[in-house]
């Protein structure tokens, strides 16, 4: 059973419904254990995180163009504040079925956005790539979220976004590099310790014994 199928067994509507109804209580799974073991990686319960989306986002700037890449990895999303978790979790779930049609055994999903500081700036969706464990990963599929994506041009202060799929699995407790054309960023190396710290804090808040360990 793939990781995407394992998430299907319990994730989805409970978190989204709780957020839409304005519930303030931590998100839980119906009768399920609130800490889920993914191989050797502990997954903390949703609803206890405090991180912002920008805290888990890798930015790259090429002239007037700003590219942002945010992993939609469920264990990483659970470190976010409840409203942000619900929003990005909903994006992941809404595009997950399309992502698994890429013929990849275990695709990784990322939210990628392009923003322009100037009018009439072009962008190249296929130029977003990852380097992980000495392998160059090109997007297996790009699933647009915004209606103007196909123009591949931006007006001033305009944002276009899509969900990208890459061959997985990727261990997000390890570093990887994001490339856009000739520009690259290893900013995830800075983010990894932040994830570890937040995971430990959530384990304390939730009263679980979760610890961080690699695959």
N, C-alpha and C. Protein backbone atom coordinates (compact mmCIF):
# COMPACT_ATOMS: atom_id res chain seq x y z
N UNK A 1 0.86 -1.20 0.00
CA UNK A 1 0.00 0.00 0.00
C UNK A 1 0.89 1.24 0.00
N UNK A 2 0.61 2.19 -0.92
CA UNK A 2 1.43 3.39 -1.01
C UNK A 2 1.11 4.33 0.14
N UNK A 3 1.99 5.34 0.35
CA UNK A 3 1.75 6.31 1.42
C UNK A 3 0.47 7.09 1.13
N UNK A 4 0.20 7.41 -0.16
CA UNK A 4 -1.02 8.15 -0.49
C UNK A 4 -2.25 7.36 -0.08
N UNK A 5 -2.22 6.02 -0.30
CA UNK A 5 -3.36 5.21 0.11
C UNK A 5 -3.50 5.16 1.62
N UNK A 6 -2.37 5.13 2.35
CA UNK A 6 -2.44 5.10 3.81
C UNK A 6 -3.11 6.36 4.33
N UNK A 7 -2.76 7.53 3.71
CA UNK A 7 -3.40 8.77 4.19
C UNK A 7 -4.90 8.74 3.92
N UNK A 8 -5.32 8.09 2.80
CA UNK A 8 -6.73 8.08 2.44
C UNK A 8 -7.58 7.45 3.54
N UNK A 9 -7.00 6.51 4.27
CA UNK A 9 -7.75 5.77 5.27
C UNK A 9 -8.31 6.64 6.38
N UNK A 10 -7.69 7.79 6.62
CA UNK A 10 -8.17 8.58 7.77
C UNK A 10 -8.24 10.06 7.53
N UNK A 11 -7.58 10.59 6.47
CA UNK A 11 -7.49 12.03 6.33
C UNK A 11 -8.63 12.58 5.51
N UNK A 12 -8.76 13.91 5.47
CA UNK A 12 -9.73 14.53 4.59
C UNK A 12 -10.73 15.39 5.30
N UNK A 13 -11.99 14.98 5.26
CA UNK A 13 -13.08 15.84 5.68
C UNK A 13 -13.05 16.29 7.12
N UNK A 14 -12.67 15.46 8.13
CA UNK A 14 -12.75 15.95 9.52
C UNK A 14 -11.99 17.23 9.75
N UNK A 15 -10.77 17.35 9.22
CA UNK A 15 -9.98 18.56 9.45
C UNK A 15 -10.61 19.75 8.76
N UNK A 16 -11.08 19.55 7.51
CA UNK A 16 -11.63 20.67 6.75
C UNK A 16 -12.93 21.15 7.36
N UNK A 17 -13.80 20.21 7.72
CA UNK A 17 -15.09 20.59 8.32
C UNK A 17 -14.89 21.34 9.62
N UNK A 18 -13.94 20.89 10.44
CA UNK A 18 -13.68 21.58 11.70
C UNK A 18 -13.23 23.00 11.47
N UNK A 19 -12.38 23.20 10.44
CA UNK A 19 -11.89 24.55 10.17
C UNK A 19 -13.03 25.43 9.67
N UNK A 20 -13.88 24.91 8.77
CA UNK A 20 -14.96 25.71 8.21
C UNK A 20 -16.01 26.07 9.26
N UNK A 21 -16.19 25.22 10.25
CA UNK A 21 -17.19 25.49 11.28
C UNK A 21 -16.67 26.39 12.38
N UNK A 22 -15.37 26.78 12.27
CA UNK A 22 -14.81 27.69 13.26
C UNK A 22 -14.43 27.02 14.54
N UNK A 23 -14.31 25.69 14.54
CA UNK A 23 -13.95 24.98 15.77
C UNK A 23 -12.55 25.36 16.19
N UNK A 24 -12.38 25.56 17.47
CA UNK A 24 -11.07 25.95 18.00
C UNK A 24 -10.33 24.78 18.61
N UNK A 25 -11.02 23.66 18.81
CA UNK A 25 -10.36 22.50 19.43
C UNK A 25 -9.37 21.90 18.47
N UNK A 26 -8.30 21.25 18.98
CA UNK A 26 -7.33 20.60 18.11
C UNK A 26 -8.02 19.57 17.22
N UNK A 27 -7.53 19.46 15.96
CA UNK A 27 -8.11 18.53 15.02
C UNK A 27 -7.76 17.11 15.43
N UNK A 28 -8.72 16.21 15.34
CA UNK A 28 -8.47 14.81 15.68
C UNK A 28 -9.06 13.93 14.62
N UNK A 29 -8.70 12.65 14.65
CA UNK A 29 -9.26 11.66 13.75
C UNK A 29 -10.25 10.84 14.53
N UNK A 30 -11.36 10.48 13.90
CA UNK A 30 -12.46 9.83 14.59
C UNK A 30 -12.03 8.52 15.23
N UNK A 31 -11.86 8.54 16.56
CA UNK A 31 -11.53 7.33 17.29
C UNK A 31 -10.16 6.78 17.00
N UNK A 32 -9.38 7.47 16.16
CA UNK A 32 -8.08 6.93 15.78
C UNK A 32 -7.01 7.44 16.72
N UNK A 33 -5.91 6.72 16.74
CA UNK A 33 -4.76 7.16 17.51
C UNK A 33 -4.27 8.48 16.94
N UNK A 34 -4.00 9.48 17.76
CA UNK A 34 -3.67 10.81 17.27
C UNK A 34 -2.22 10.93 16.83
N UNK A 35 -1.42 9.92 16.98
CA UNK A 35 -0.04 9.94 16.51
C UNK A 35 0.15 8.72 15.62
N UNK A 36 0.49 8.96 14.34
CA UNK A 36 0.55 7.89 13.36
C UNK A 36 1.99 7.62 12.98
N UNK A 37 2.38 6.35 12.97
CA UNK A 37 3.75 5.99 12.65
C UNK A 37 3.88 5.77 11.15
N UNK A 38 4.74 6.53 10.46
CA UNK A 38 5.00 6.39 9.04
C UNK A 38 6.41 5.86 8.90
N UNK A 39 6.56 4.54 8.68
CA UNK A 39 7.85 3.87 8.68
C UNK A 39 8.50 4.14 10.04
N UNK A 40 9.66 4.85 10.08
CA UNK A 40 10.27 5.18 11.36
C UNK A 40 10.03 6.65 11.71
N UNK A 41 9.21 7.32 10.97
CA UNK A 41 8.97 8.75 11.16
C UNK A 41 7.67 8.95 11.93
N UNK A 42 7.71 9.65 13.03
CA UNK A 42 6.52 9.90 13.82
C UNK A 42 5.74 11.07 13.22
N UNK A 43 4.46 10.88 13.03
CA UNK A 43 3.58 11.92 12.52
C UNK A 43 2.77 12.46 13.68
N UNK A 44 2.93 13.74 13.97
CA UNK A 44 2.24 14.34 15.10
C UNK A 44 0.79 14.62 14.76
N UNK A 45 -0.08 14.78 15.76
CA UNK A 45 -1.49 15.09 15.48
C UNK A 45 -1.66 16.49 14.90
N UNK A 46 -2.67 16.64 14.07
CA UNK A 46 -2.98 17.96 13.51
C UNK A 46 -3.64 18.84 14.55
N UNK A 47 -3.47 20.14 14.40
CA UNK A 47 -4.18 21.08 15.26
C UNK A 47 -3.36 21.69 16.37
N UNK A 48 -2.10 21.27 16.52
CA UNK A 48 -1.26 21.79 17.60
C UNK A 48 -0.09 22.63 17.08
N UNK A 49 0.08 22.72 15.78
CA UNK A 49 1.22 23.43 15.22
C UNK A 49 1.09 24.93 15.30
N UNK A 50 2.21 25.62 15.10
CA UNK A 50 2.22 27.08 15.13
C UNK A 50 2.94 27.69 13.92
N UNK A 51 3.51 26.87 13.05
CA UNK A 51 4.29 27.41 11.94
C UNK A 51 3.39 28.04 10.88
N UNK A 52 3.96 29.01 10.15
CA UNK A 52 3.26 29.66 9.03
C UNK A 52 3.65 28.96 7.73
N UNK A 53 2.90 29.22 6.68
CA UNK A 53 3.25 28.63 5.38
C UNK A 53 4.64 29.05 4.94
N UNK A 54 5.00 30.32 5.14
CA UNK A 54 6.32 30.79 4.72
C UNK A 54 7.44 30.07 5.47
N UNK A 55 7.14 29.53 6.66
CA UNK A 55 8.17 28.83 7.43
C UNK A 55 8.59 27.53 6.75
N UNK A 56 7.72 26.96 5.90
CA UNK A 56 8.07 25.70 5.23
C UNK A 56 8.15 25.90 3.71
N UNK A 57 8.37 27.14 3.29
CA UNK A 57 8.41 27.47 1.86
C UNK A 57 9.81 27.88 1.45
N UNK A 58 10.24 27.39 0.29
CA UNK A 58 11.54 27.76 -0.28
C UNK A 58 11.30 28.80 -1.37
N UNK A 59 11.81 30.04 -1.20
CA UNK A 59 11.64 31.06 -2.22
C UNK A 59 12.88 31.17 -3.11
N UNK A 60 12.66 31.50 -4.38
CA UNK A 60 13.75 31.81 -5.30
C UNK A 60 13.34 33.04 -6.10
N UNK A 61 14.26 33.96 -6.30
CA UNK A 61 13.95 35.15 -7.08
C UNK A 61 14.85 35.22 -8.30
N UNK A 62 14.22 35.42 -9.45
CA UNK A 62 14.94 35.58 -10.71
C UNK A 62 14.47 36.88 -11.34
N UNK A 63 15.23 37.95 -11.13
CA UNK A 63 14.82 39.26 -11.61
C UNK A 63 13.55 39.71 -10.93
N UNK A 64 12.53 40.03 -11.73
CA UNK A 64 11.25 40.49 -11.18
C UNK A 64 10.33 39.34 -10.83
N UNK A 65 10.79 38.10 -11.00
CA UNK A 65 9.96 36.93 -10.77
C UNK A 65 10.33 36.26 -9.45
N UNK A 66 9.32 36.01 -8.62
CA UNK A 66 9.51 35.30 -7.35
C UNK A 66 8.81 33.94 -7.46
N UNK A 67 9.57 32.88 -7.21
CA UNK A 67 9.05 31.51 -7.24
C UNK A 67 9.04 30.99 -5.81
N UNK A 68 7.92 30.39 -5.40
CA UNK A 68 7.81 29.81 -4.07
C UNK A 68 7.38 28.35 -4.17
N UNK A 69 8.06 27.49 -3.42
CA UNK A 69 7.75 26.06 -3.42
C UNK A 69 7.47 25.59 -2.00
N UNK A 70 6.28 25.03 -1.78
CA UNK A 70 5.84 24.55 -0.47
C UNK A 70 5.49 23.08 -0.56
N UNK A 71 6.14 22.21 0.21
CA UNK A 71 5.77 20.79 0.17
C UNK A 71 4.37 20.57 0.75
N UNK A 72 3.62 19.68 0.12
CA UNK A 72 2.31 19.30 0.62
C UNK A 72 2.39 17.92 1.27
N UNK A 73 3.52 17.66 1.88
CA UNK A 73 3.76 16.42 2.62
C UNK A 73 2.95 16.46 3.92
N UNK A 74 2.09 15.46 4.14
CA UNK A 74 1.18 15.50 5.28
C UNK A 74 1.89 15.67 6.63
N UNK A 75 2.94 14.87 6.94
CA UNK A 75 3.61 15.07 8.24
C UNK A 75 4.17 16.48 8.42
N UNK A 76 4.64 17.09 7.33
CA UNK A 76 5.15 18.47 7.41
C UNK A 76 4.00 19.45 7.59
N UNK A 77 2.90 19.25 6.88
CA UNK A 77 1.75 20.15 7.01
C UNK A 77 1.22 20.16 8.43
N UNK A 78 1.33 19.05 9.15
CA UNK A 78 0.79 18.97 10.51
C UNK A 78 1.55 19.83 11.51
N UNK A 79 2.66 20.42 11.10
CA UNK A 79 3.40 21.32 11.96
C UNK A 79 2.91 22.76 11.82
N UNK A 80 1.97 22.99 10.91
CA UNK A 80 1.45 24.34 10.67
C UNK A 80 0.32 24.69 11.63
N UNK A 81 0.08 25.98 11.76
CA UNK A 81 -1.07 26.45 12.56
C UNK A 81 -2.35 25.87 11.97
N UNK A 82 -3.38 25.64 12.78
CA UNK A 82 -4.58 24.92 12.32
C UNK A 82 -5.23 25.45 11.06
N UNK A 83 -5.39 26.78 10.94
CA UNK A 83 -6.05 27.30 9.76
C UNK A 83 -5.21 27.08 8.51
N UNK A 84 -3.89 27.25 8.63
CA UNK A 84 -3.00 27.04 7.49
C UNK A 84 -2.94 25.57 7.13
N UNK A 85 -2.90 24.71 8.14
CA UNK A 85 -2.93 23.27 7.89
C UNK A 85 -4.19 22.88 7.11
N UNK A 86 -5.34 23.34 7.55
CA UNK A 86 -6.59 22.98 6.90
C UNK A 86 -6.62 23.44 5.44
N UNK A 87 -6.11 24.64 5.19
CA UNK A 87 -6.12 25.18 3.82
C UNK A 87 -5.22 24.37 2.90
N UNK A 88 -3.99 24.11 3.32
CA UNK A 88 -3.05 23.38 2.47
C UNK A 88 -3.39 21.89 2.38
N UNK A 89 -3.92 21.34 3.48
CA UNK A 89 -4.38 19.95 3.45
C UNK A 89 -5.51 19.79 2.44
N UNK A 90 -6.42 20.78 2.37
CA UNK A 90 -7.51 20.74 1.41
C UNK A 90 -6.99 20.81 -0.02
N UNK A 91 -5.97 21.63 -0.25
CA UNK A 91 -5.36 21.69 -1.58
C UNK A 91 -4.78 20.33 -1.95
N UNK A 92 -4.06 19.73 -1.02
CA UNK A 92 -3.47 18.41 -1.26
C UNK A 92 -4.54 17.37 -1.60
N UNK A 93 -5.58 17.32 -0.79
CA UNK A 93 -6.62 16.32 -0.99
C UNK A 93 -7.37 16.54 -2.30
N UNK A 94 -7.58 17.82 -2.67
CA UNK A 94 -8.36 18.12 -3.87
C UNK A 94 -7.62 17.74 -5.15
N UNK A 95 -6.30 17.63 -5.09
CA UNK A 95 -5.52 17.31 -6.29
C UNK A 95 -4.82 15.96 -6.19
N UNK A 96 -5.00 15.25 -5.09
CA UNK A 96 -4.27 13.99 -4.88
C UNK A 96 -4.65 12.93 -5.91
N UNK A 97 -5.94 12.82 -6.23
CA UNK A 97 -6.37 11.81 -7.20
C UNK A 97 -5.75 12.07 -8.57
N UNK A 98 -5.67 13.35 -8.96
CA UNK A 98 -5.01 13.68 -10.22
C UNK A 98 -3.53 13.34 -10.17
N UNK A 99 -2.91 13.55 -9.01
CA UNK A 99 -1.48 13.32 -8.87
C UNK A 99 -1.13 11.84 -9.03
N UNK A 100 -1.97 10.95 -8.50
CA UNK A 100 -1.63 9.53 -8.56
C UNK A 100 -1.79 8.99 -9.97
N UNK A 101 -2.40 9.74 -10.87
CA UNK A 101 -2.51 9.31 -12.27
C UNK A 101 -1.22 9.53 -13.05
N UNK A 102 -0.19 10.06 -12.40
CA UNK A 102 1.08 10.30 -13.08
C UNK A 102 1.87 9.03 -13.30
N UNK A 103 1.38 7.90 -12.80
CA UNK A 103 2.03 6.59 -12.92
C UNK A 103 3.23 6.46 -12.00
N UNK A 104 3.42 7.42 -11.10
CA UNK A 104 4.46 7.30 -10.09
C UNK A 104 3.93 6.46 -8.93
N UNK A 105 4.78 5.62 -8.38
CA UNK A 105 4.34 4.74 -7.29
C UNK A 105 4.00 5.52 -6.04
N UNK A 106 4.75 6.57 -5.75
CA UNK A 106 4.57 7.31 -4.50
C UNK A 106 4.87 8.79 -4.73
N UNK A 107 4.02 9.51 -5.47
CA UNK A 107 4.34 10.89 -5.85
C UNK A 107 4.36 11.83 -4.65
N UNK A 108 5.24 12.81 -4.72
CA UNK A 108 5.29 13.89 -3.73
C UNK A 108 4.65 15.12 -4.35
N UNK A 109 3.81 15.79 -3.59
CA UNK A 109 3.10 16.97 -4.08
C UNK A 109 3.70 18.24 -3.48
N UNK A 110 3.78 19.27 -4.31
CA UNK A 110 4.28 20.59 -3.89
C UNK A 110 3.35 21.66 -4.44
N UNK A 111 3.15 22.69 -3.65
CA UNK A 111 2.46 23.89 -4.13
C UNK A 111 3.52 24.84 -4.64
N UNK A 112 3.42 25.23 -5.91
CA UNK A 112 4.39 26.14 -6.52
C UNK A 112 3.65 27.38 -7.01
N UNK A 113 4.17 28.55 -6.66
CA UNK A 113 3.54 29.80 -7.10
C UNK A 113 4.59 30.70 -7.76
N UNK A 114 4.12 31.46 -8.73
CA UNK A 114 4.95 32.46 -9.42
C UNK A 114 4.31 33.83 -9.19
N UNK A 115 5.13 34.78 -8.78
CA UNK A 115 4.67 36.13 -8.48
C UNK A 115 5.57 37.12 -9.19
N UNK A 116 4.97 38.18 -9.73
CA UNK A 116 5.75 39.18 -10.47
C UNK A 116 5.72 40.54 -9.78
N UNK A 117 6.90 41.17 -9.71
CA UNK A 117 7.00 42.52 -9.17
C UNK A 117 6.82 43.58 -10.27
N UNK A 118 6.79 43.14 -11.54
CA UNK A 118 6.68 44.06 -12.66
C UNK A 118 5.64 43.53 -13.64
N UNK A 119 5.14 44.39 -14.54
CA UNK A 119 4.16 43.91 -15.52
C UNK A 119 4.81 43.08 -16.62
N UNK A 120 4.03 42.17 -17.18
CA UNK A 120 4.40 41.39 -18.36
C UNK A 120 5.70 40.60 -18.14
N UNK A 121 5.70 39.75 -17.14
CA UNK A 121 6.85 38.89 -16.84
C UNK A 121 6.45 37.44 -17.15
N UNK A 122 7.27 36.75 -17.91
CA UNK A 122 6.98 35.37 -18.27
C UNK A 122 7.57 34.40 -17.25
N UNK A 123 7.00 33.20 -17.20
CA UNK A 123 7.57 32.15 -16.35
C UNK A 123 7.49 30.83 -17.10
N UNK A 124 8.39 29.91 -16.75
CA UNK A 124 8.49 28.61 -17.40
C UNK A 124 8.20 27.51 -16.38
N UNK A 125 7.00 26.94 -16.35
CA UNK A 125 6.65 25.95 -15.33
C UNK A 125 7.60 24.77 -15.27
N UNK A 126 8.08 24.30 -16.42
CA UNK A 126 8.93 23.10 -16.44
C UNK A 126 10.33 23.35 -15.90
N UNK A 127 10.69 24.62 -15.65
CA UNK A 127 12.03 24.93 -15.15
C UNK A 127 12.17 24.72 -13.65
N UNK A 128 11.07 24.39 -12.95
CA UNK A 128 11.15 24.09 -11.52
C UNK A 128 11.60 22.63 -11.37
N UNK A 129 12.72 22.43 -10.68
CA UNK A 129 13.29 21.10 -10.50
C UNK A 129 13.80 20.95 -9.07
N UNK A 130 13.97 19.70 -8.65
CA UNK A 130 14.53 19.39 -7.34
C UNK A 130 15.80 18.57 -7.52
N UNK A 131 16.73 18.76 -6.59
CA UNK A 131 17.89 17.89 -6.50
C UNK A 131 17.84 17.24 -5.13
N UNK A 132 17.68 15.91 -5.12
CA UNK A 132 17.53 15.17 -3.86
C UNK A 132 18.38 13.91 -3.94
N UNK A 133 19.25 13.75 -2.94
CA UNK A 133 20.15 12.59 -2.87
C UNK A 133 20.88 12.39 -4.19
N UNK A 134 21.44 13.50 -4.71
CA UNK A 134 22.26 13.51 -5.93
C UNK A 134 21.45 13.18 -7.19
N UNK A 135 20.12 13.20 -7.10
CA UNK A 135 19.28 12.95 -8.27
C UNK A 135 18.56 14.23 -8.68
N UNK A 136 18.51 14.49 -9.96
CA UNK A 136 17.75 15.61 -10.48
C UNK A 136 16.32 15.14 -10.76
N UNK A 137 15.35 15.77 -10.09
CA UNK A 137 13.94 15.40 -10.24
C UNK A 137 13.22 16.48 -11.03
N UNK A 138 12.64 16.08 -12.15
CA UNK A 138 11.82 16.99 -12.95
C UNK A 138 10.35 16.73 -12.64
N UNK A 139 9.49 17.73 -12.78
CA UNK A 139 8.07 17.51 -12.45
C UNK A 139 7.45 16.44 -13.35
N UNK A 140 6.77 15.49 -12.71
CA UNK A 140 6.07 14.46 -13.46
C UNK A 140 4.75 14.98 -14.01
N UNK A 141 4.15 15.92 -13.29
CA UNK A 141 2.92 16.56 -13.76
C UNK A 141 2.78 17.91 -13.09
N UNK A 142 2.02 18.78 -13.73
CA UNK A 142 1.72 20.11 -13.20
C UNK A 142 0.20 20.28 -13.28
N UNK A 143 -0.43 20.51 -12.14
CA UNK A 143 -1.89 20.62 -12.06
C UNK A 143 -2.24 22.06 -11.69
N UNK A 144 -2.69 22.87 -12.65
CA UNK A 144 -2.95 24.30 -12.38
C UNK A 144 -4.03 24.50 -11.33
N UNK A 145 -3.84 25.53 -10.51
CA UNK A 145 -4.84 25.93 -9.53
C UNK A 145 -5.51 27.25 -9.92
N UNK A 146 -4.85 28.06 -10.73
CA UNK A 146 -5.37 29.37 -11.11
C UNK A 146 -5.66 29.39 -12.61
N UNK A 147 -6.65 30.19 -12.99
CA UNK A 147 -7.17 30.15 -14.35
C UNK A 147 -6.20 30.69 -15.40
N UNK A 148 -5.31 31.58 -15.01
CA UNK A 148 -4.40 32.18 -15.99
C UNK A 148 -3.09 31.44 -16.16
N UNK A 149 -2.99 30.24 -15.58
CA UNK A 149 -1.72 29.51 -15.61
C UNK A 149 -1.20 29.29 -17.04
N UNK A 150 -2.08 28.93 -17.94
CA UNK A 150 -1.67 28.57 -19.29
C UNK A 150 -1.04 29.71 -20.07
N UNK A 151 -1.28 30.98 -19.68
CA UNK A 151 -0.66 32.10 -20.40
C UNK A 151 0.84 32.15 -20.18
N UNK A 152 1.28 31.67 -19.04
CA UNK A 152 2.70 31.70 -18.64
C UNK A 152 3.26 33.12 -18.67
N UNK A 153 2.40 34.08 -18.38
CA UNK A 153 2.82 35.47 -18.24
C UNK A 153 2.09 36.07 -17.05
N UNK A 154 2.74 37.01 -16.39
CA UNK A 154 2.19 37.61 -15.18
C UNK A 154 2.09 39.11 -15.33
N UNK A 155 0.99 39.66 -14.82
CA UNK A 155 0.91 41.10 -14.66
C UNK A 155 1.59 41.50 -13.36
N UNK A 156 1.73 42.79 -13.14
CA UNK A 156 2.37 43.26 -11.91
C UNK A 156 1.55 42.85 -10.69
N UNK A 157 2.21 42.33 -9.67
CA UNK A 157 1.59 41.88 -8.44
C UNK A 157 0.61 40.70 -8.66
N UNK A 158 0.79 39.97 -9.74
CA UNK A 158 -0.07 38.83 -10.03
C UNK A 158 0.61 37.53 -9.60
N UNK A 159 -0.21 36.58 -9.13
CA UNK A 159 0.29 35.27 -8.73
C UNK A 159 -0.43 34.17 -9.51
N UNK A 160 0.32 33.22 -10.00
CA UNK A 160 -0.24 32.01 -10.61
C UNK A 160 0.32 30.80 -9.86
N UNK A 161 -0.55 29.82 -9.59
CA UNK A 161 -0.15 28.69 -8.75
C UNK A 161 -0.57 27.37 -9.37
N UNK A 162 0.17 26.31 -9.00
CA UNK A 162 -0.14 24.95 -9.45
C UNK A 162 0.39 23.96 -8.44
N UNK A 163 -0.16 22.74 -8.49
CA UNK A 163 0.38 21.63 -7.71
C UNK A 163 1.29 20.82 -8.63
N UNK A 164 2.53 20.62 -8.18
CA UNK A 164 3.51 19.84 -8.92
C UNK A 164 3.65 18.47 -8.27
N UNK A 165 3.87 17.45 -9.09
CA UNK A 165 4.20 16.14 -8.56
C UNK A 165 5.61 15.76 -8.99
N UNK A 166 6.35 15.17 -8.05
CA UNK A 166 7.69 14.67 -8.30
C UNK A 166 7.76 13.22 -7.83
N UNK A 167 8.69 12.49 -8.40
CA UNK A 167 8.89 11.10 -7.99
C UNK A 167 9.34 11.06 -6.53
N UNK A 168 8.69 10.21 -5.75
CA UNK A 168 9.05 10.06 -4.34
C UNK A 168 9.50 8.65 -4.05
N UNK A 169 9.67 8.34 -2.77
CA UNK A 169 9.42 9.24 -1.64
C UNK A 169 10.60 10.17 -1.38
N UNK A 170 10.29 11.31 -0.76
CA UNK A 170 11.30 12.26 -0.31
C UNK A 170 11.21 12.33 1.21
N UNK A 171 12.35 12.24 1.86
CA UNK A 171 12.41 12.39 3.32
C UNK A 171 12.60 13.87 3.61
N UNK A 172 11.57 14.52 4.12
CA UNK A 172 11.63 15.96 4.34
C UNK A 172 12.40 16.33 5.61
N UNK A 173 12.91 15.34 6.31
CA UNK A 173 13.84 15.60 7.40
C UNK A 173 15.27 15.66 6.89
N UNK A 174 15.45 15.51 5.59
CA UNK A 174 16.74 15.68 4.94
C UNK A 174 16.67 16.87 4.00
N UNK A 175 17.83 17.37 3.62
CA UNK A 175 17.86 18.56 2.78
C UNK A 175 17.67 18.20 1.31
N UNK A 176 17.17 19.16 0.55
CA UNK A 176 17.10 19.05 -0.90
C UNK A 176 17.26 20.45 -1.48
N UNK A 177 17.54 20.53 -2.76
CA UNK A 177 17.77 21.81 -3.42
C UNK A 177 16.66 22.06 -4.43
N UNK A 178 16.19 23.30 -4.49
CA UNK A 178 15.18 23.71 -5.46
C UNK A 178 15.86 24.54 -6.54
N UNK A 179 15.55 24.23 -7.79
CA UNK A 179 16.12 24.96 -8.91
C UNK A 179 15.01 25.57 -9.76
N UNK A 180 15.30 26.76 -10.26
CA UNK A 180 14.47 27.37 -11.30
C UNK A 180 15.42 27.96 -12.33
N UNK A 181 15.52 27.30 -13.46
CA UNK A 181 16.49 27.73 -14.46
C UNK A 181 17.91 27.64 -13.89
N UNK A 182 18.61 28.77 -13.89
CA UNK A 182 19.98 28.80 -13.38
C UNK A 182 20.04 29.20 -11.90
N UNK A 183 18.88 29.49 -11.30
CA UNK A 183 18.82 29.89 -9.89
C UNK A 183 18.53 28.67 -9.05
N UNK A 184 19.19 28.55 -7.90
CA UNK A 184 18.88 27.43 -7.01
C UNK A 184 18.96 27.87 -5.55
N UNK A 185 18.27 27.12 -4.70
CA UNK A 185 18.24 27.41 -3.27
C UNK A 185 18.31 26.11 -2.47
N UNK A 186 19.16 26.11 -1.45
CA UNK A 186 19.24 25.00 -0.50
C UNK A 186 18.64 25.41 0.83
N UNK A 187 17.65 26.30 0.78
CA UNK A 187 17.06 26.87 1.99
C UNK A 187 16.38 25.81 2.86
N UNK A 188 16.02 24.67 2.28
CA UNK A 188 15.39 23.63 3.09
C UNK A 188 16.32 23.16 4.20
N UNK A 189 17.62 23.28 4.00
CA UNK A 189 18.58 22.90 5.04
C UNK A 189 18.37 23.73 6.30
N UNK A 190 17.98 24.98 6.13
CA UNK A 190 17.68 25.85 7.27
C UNK A 190 16.35 25.49 7.90
N UNK A 191 15.41 24.98 7.10
CA UNK A 191 14.06 24.69 7.58
C UNK A 191 14.01 23.41 8.41
N UNK A 192 14.85 22.42 8.08
CA UNK A 192 14.80 21.12 8.76
C UNK A 192 14.88 21.24 10.29
N UNK A 193 15.83 21.99 10.87
CA UNK A 193 15.86 22.12 12.33
C UNK A 193 14.59 22.75 12.90
N UNK A 194 13.99 23.67 12.16
CA UNK A 194 12.73 24.28 12.59
C UNK A 194 11.62 23.24 12.69
N UNK A 195 11.58 22.32 11.73
CA UNK A 195 10.59 21.25 11.76
C UNK A 195 10.80 20.34 12.97
N UNK A 196 12.05 20.01 13.24
CA UNK A 196 12.36 19.14 14.37
C UNK A 196 11.95 19.78 15.69
N UNK A 197 12.22 21.07 15.83
CA UNK A 197 11.86 21.78 17.06
C UNK A 197 10.35 21.83 17.23
N UNK A 198 9.64 22.15 16.15
CA UNK A 198 8.18 22.25 16.23
C UNK A 198 7.56 20.89 16.51
N UNK A 199 8.11 19.85 15.95
CA UNK A 199 7.57 18.51 16.18
C UNK A 199 7.69 18.13 17.66
N UNK A 200 8.82 18.47 18.26
CA UNK A 200 9.01 18.18 19.68
C UNK A 200 8.04 18.99 20.54
N UNK A 201 7.81 20.25 20.17
CA UNK A 201 6.88 21.09 20.93
C UNK A 201 5.46 20.55 20.83
N UNK A 202 5.08 20.09 19.65
CA UNK A 202 3.73 19.54 19.47
C UNK A 202 3.56 18.28 20.30
N UNK A 203 4.59 17.43 20.35
CA UNK A 203 4.51 16.22 21.15
C UNK A 203 4.24 16.56 22.62
N UNK A 204 4.85 17.65 23.11
CA UNK A 204 4.63 18.09 24.48
C UNK A 204 3.21 18.63 24.66
N UNK A 205 2.77 19.47 23.71
CA UNK A 205 1.44 20.07 23.82
C UNK A 205 0.35 18.99 23.77
N UNK A 206 0.56 18.02 22.90
CA UNK A 206 -0.47 17.00 22.69
C UNK A 206 -0.37 15.86 23.68
N UNK A 207 0.71 15.85 24.49
CA UNK A 207 0.88 14.79 25.47
C UNK A 207 1.24 13.47 24.86
N UNK A 208 1.91 13.50 23.66
CA UNK A 208 2.37 12.27 23.02
C UNK A 208 3.86 12.13 23.25
N UNK A 209 4.40 10.99 22.85
CA UNK A 209 5.83 10.73 23.03
C UNK A 209 6.56 10.75 21.70
N UNK A 210 6.03 11.51 20.74
CA UNK A 210 6.62 11.53 19.40
C UNK A 210 8.02 12.09 19.40
N UNK A 211 8.90 11.45 18.65
CA UNK A 211 10.25 11.92 18.44
C UNK A 211 10.57 11.89 16.96
N UNK A 212 11.61 12.63 16.58
CA UNK A 212 12.00 12.71 15.19
C UNK A 212 13.00 11.63 14.88
N UNK A 213 12.76 10.89 13.80
CA UNK A 213 13.75 9.93 13.33
C UNK A 213 13.64 9.79 11.84
N UNK A 214 14.75 9.54 11.18
CA UNK A 214 14.76 9.46 9.73
C UNK A 214 14.25 8.12 9.25
N UNK A 215 14.05 8.03 7.92
CA UNK A 215 13.63 6.76 7.34
C UNK A 215 14.77 5.77 7.37
